[in-house]
Amino acid sequence: MSEISAQVRWKGEGLLFEGTSGRGTVQLSGGADPPGSGPSPSELLIMAAGACTGMDVVAILRKMRQPIEELVVEVHARKADDHPHRVESIELVYRLRGDLSEARVQRAVELSETRYCAVEATLRGSVSIGSRYIIEP
């Protein structure tokens, strides 16, 4: 078993926090903080899901020798109306560009979502996750 760690520190104003790990830093903000201050924790959660599976899809398609030129993962979530306003569902839309085999894209997405993405594996069972892909010319 491996271990990861991070630290979040309040920046002394509003609900602004700075998160730090051995790999980098990210700014986080609350709903009343000015726009552009950083994503909220829930937004960071869904960004993590999109980035995790996106990294897998790119790596898998490269191993399949698919000429991927671009990948954008759009992540949409629904939150509960009542406290703690938990994320109840996530939809991932993979927008890919390149001369790609649809069967291989489908397989790469499936492998990421069912076997490799640690974030999705953590959320699975407590959050409904759906996805689709669009191969653009």
Protein backbone atom coordinates (compact mmCIF):
# COMPACT_ATOMS: atom_id res chain seq x y z
CA MET A 1 0.00 0.00 0.00
CA SER A 2 1.29 3.46 -0.85
CA GLU A 3 0.56 6.70 0.93
CA ILE A 4 -0.14 10.21 -0.31
CA SER A 5 -0.41 13.38 1.72
CA ALA A 6 -1.37 17.01 1.33
CA GLN A 7 -1.90 20.08 3.47
CA VAL A 8 -4.50 22.84 3.23
CA ARG A 9 -3.86 26.18 4.89
CA TRP A 10 -6.34 29.01 5.44
CA LYS A 11 -4.96 32.17 3.85
CA GLY A 12 -6.38 34.47 6.56
CA GLU A 13 -9.24 36.00 4.60
CA GLY A 14 -12.68 34.82 3.52
CA LEU A 15 -12.70 31.08 2.91
CA LEU A 16 -9.54 31.11 0.81
CA PHE A 17 -7.27 28.11 1.25
CA GLU A 18 -4.07 26.94 -0.37
CA GLY A 19 -3.59 23.23 -0.87
CA THR A 20 -0.07 21.87 -1.17
CA SER A 21 1.30 18.43 -1.96
CA GLY A 22 4.69 17.19 -3.04
CA ARG A 23 3.58 17.74 -6.64
CA GLY A 24 2.24 21.29 -6.53
CA THR A 25 -0.11 23.92 -5.12
CA VAL A 26 -3.73 24.84 -5.76
CA GLN A 27 -5.90 27.72 -4.55
CA LEU A 28 -9.38 26.94 -3.20
CA SER A 29 -12.25 29.25 -2.39
CA GLY A 30 -15.71 29.34 -0.88
CA GLY A 31 -18.93 30.61 -2.44
CA ALA A 32 -18.60 34.17 -1.08
CA ASP A 33 -15.02 34.64 -2.25
CA PRO A 34 -14.35 36.72 -5.39
CA PRO A 35 -14.56 34.97 -8.77
CA GLY A 36 -11.15 33.82 -9.93
CA SER A 37 -9.99 32.99 -6.39
CA GLY A 38 -9.92 29.28 -7.13
CA PRO A 39 -12.29 26.34 -7.41
CA SER A 40 -14.46 25.23 -4.52
CA PRO A 41 -13.67 21.88 -2.88
CA SER A 42 -16.59 20.26 -4.77
CA GLU A 43 -15.37 21.71 -8.06
CA LEU A 44 -11.88 20.41 -7.29
CA LEU A 45 -13.38 16.97 -6.64
CA ILE A 46 -15.04 16.80 -10.04
CA MET A 47 -11.94 18.27 -11.72
CA ALA A 48 -9.93 15.47 -10.10
CA ALA A 49 -12.33 12.89 -11.56
CA GLY A 50 -11.99 14.41 -15.03
CA ALA A 51 -8.22 14.74 -14.84
CA CYS A 52 -7.70 11.25 -13.46
CA THR A 53 -9.71 9.50 -16.13
CA GLY A 54 -8.45 11.89 -18.83
CA MET A 55 -4.83 11.03 -18.02
CA ASP A 56 -5.69 7.34 -18.23
CA VAL A 57 -7.49 7.71 -21.56
CA VAL A 58 -4.54 9.57 -23.13
CA ALA A 59 -2.04 7.00 -21.81
CA ILE A 60 -4.15 4.05 -22.97
CA LEU A 61 -4.75 5.51 -26.44
CA ARG A 62 -1.03 6.20 -26.83
CA LYS A 63 -0.27 2.57 -25.89
CA MET A 64 -2.82 1.55 -28.54
CA ARG A 65 -0.87 3.75 -30.97
CA GLN A 66 -3.86 5.98 -31.57
CA PRO A 67 -3.00 9.47 -32.90
CA ILE A 68 -4.81 11.51 -30.26
CA GLU A 69 -4.41 15.24 -30.87
CA GLU A 70 -6.63 16.69 -28.16
CA LEU A 71 -8.76 15.62 -25.22
CA VAL A 72 -11.09 17.82 -23.22
CA VAL A 73 -13.11 16.21 -20.44
CA GLU A 74 -16.20 18.20 -19.54
CA VAL A 75 -17.43 17.31 -16.06
CA HIS A 76 -20.96 18.09 -14.92
CA ALA A 77 -22.24 17.29 -11.44
CA ARG A 78 -25.47 17.50 -9.50
CA LYS A 79 -25.35 18.36 -5.82
CA ALA A 80 -27.98 17.70 -3.17
CA ASP A 81 -30.14 20.65 -2.14
CA ASP A 82 -29.78 19.88 1.58
CA HIS A 83 -26.64 20.05 3.71
CA PRO A 84 -23.98 18.84 3.26
CA HIS A 85 -24.80 19.45 -0.45
CA ARG A 86 -22.94 16.28 -1.42
CA VAL A 87 -22.18 15.48 -5.03
CA GLU A 88 -24.79 12.92 -6.02
CA SER A 89 -24.01 12.41 -9.69
CA ILE A 90 -21.26 13.14 -12.18
CA GLU A 91 -21.34 13.05 -15.96
CA LEU A 92 -18.08 13.00 -17.91
CA VAL A 93 -18.08 14.03 -21.56
CA TYR A 94 -14.86 13.13 -23.37
CA ARG A 95 -14.23 15.32 -26.42
CA LEU A 96 -11.41 13.81 -28.45
CA ARG A 97 -9.75 14.92 -31.65
CA GLY A 98 -7.62 12.84 -33.97
CA ASP A 99 -7.91 10.00 -36.46
CA LEU A 100 -9.13 7.65 -33.74
CA SER A 101 -10.77 4.24 -33.81
CA GLU A 102 -14.14 4.51 -32.04
CA ALA A 103 -13.76 0.99 -30.66
CA ARG A 104 -10.40 1.86 -29.14
CA VAL A 105 -11.71 5.11 -27.64
CA GLN A 106 -14.60 3.19 -26.11
CA ARG A 107 -12.19 0.60 -24.68
CA ALA A 108 -9.83 3.26 -23.31
CA VAL A 109 -12.70 5.03 -21.52
CA GLU A 110 -14.02 1.73 -20.17
CA LEU A 111 -10.59 0.66 -18.87
CA SER A 112 -10.04 4.01 -17.19
CA GLU A 113 -13.43 4.08 -15.54
CA THR A 114 -13.49 0.46 -14.38
CA ARG A 115 -9.87 -0.39 -13.70
CA TYR A 116 -7.37 2.47 -13.54
CA CYS A 117 -8.82 5.78 -12.30
CA ALA A 118 -8.29 5.94 -8.53
CA VAL A 119 -10.63 8.91 -8.13
CA GLU A 120 -13.55 7.17 -9.84
CA ALA A 121 -12.85 4.00 -7.87
CA THR A 122 -13.02 6.04 -4.66
CA LEU A 123 -16.31 7.70 -5.64
CA ARG A 124 -17.97 4.62 -7.14
CA GLY A 125 -20.69 3.29 -4.90
CA SER A 126 -21.54 6.65 -3.36
CA VAL A 127 -21.82 8.83 -6.49
CA SER A 128 -23.62 7.94 -9.72
CA ILE A 129 -21.11 8.33 -12.58
CA GLY A 130 -22.02 8.35 -16.25
CA SER A 131 -20.02 9.15 -19.35
CA ARG A 132 -20.04 9.54 -23.08
CA TYR A 133 -17.47 10.42 -25.71
CA ILE A 134 -17.46 12.51 -28.84
CA ILE A 135 -14.77 12.08 -31.48
CA GLU A 136 -14.39 15.37 -33.34
CA PRO A 137 -12.76 15.70 -36.76
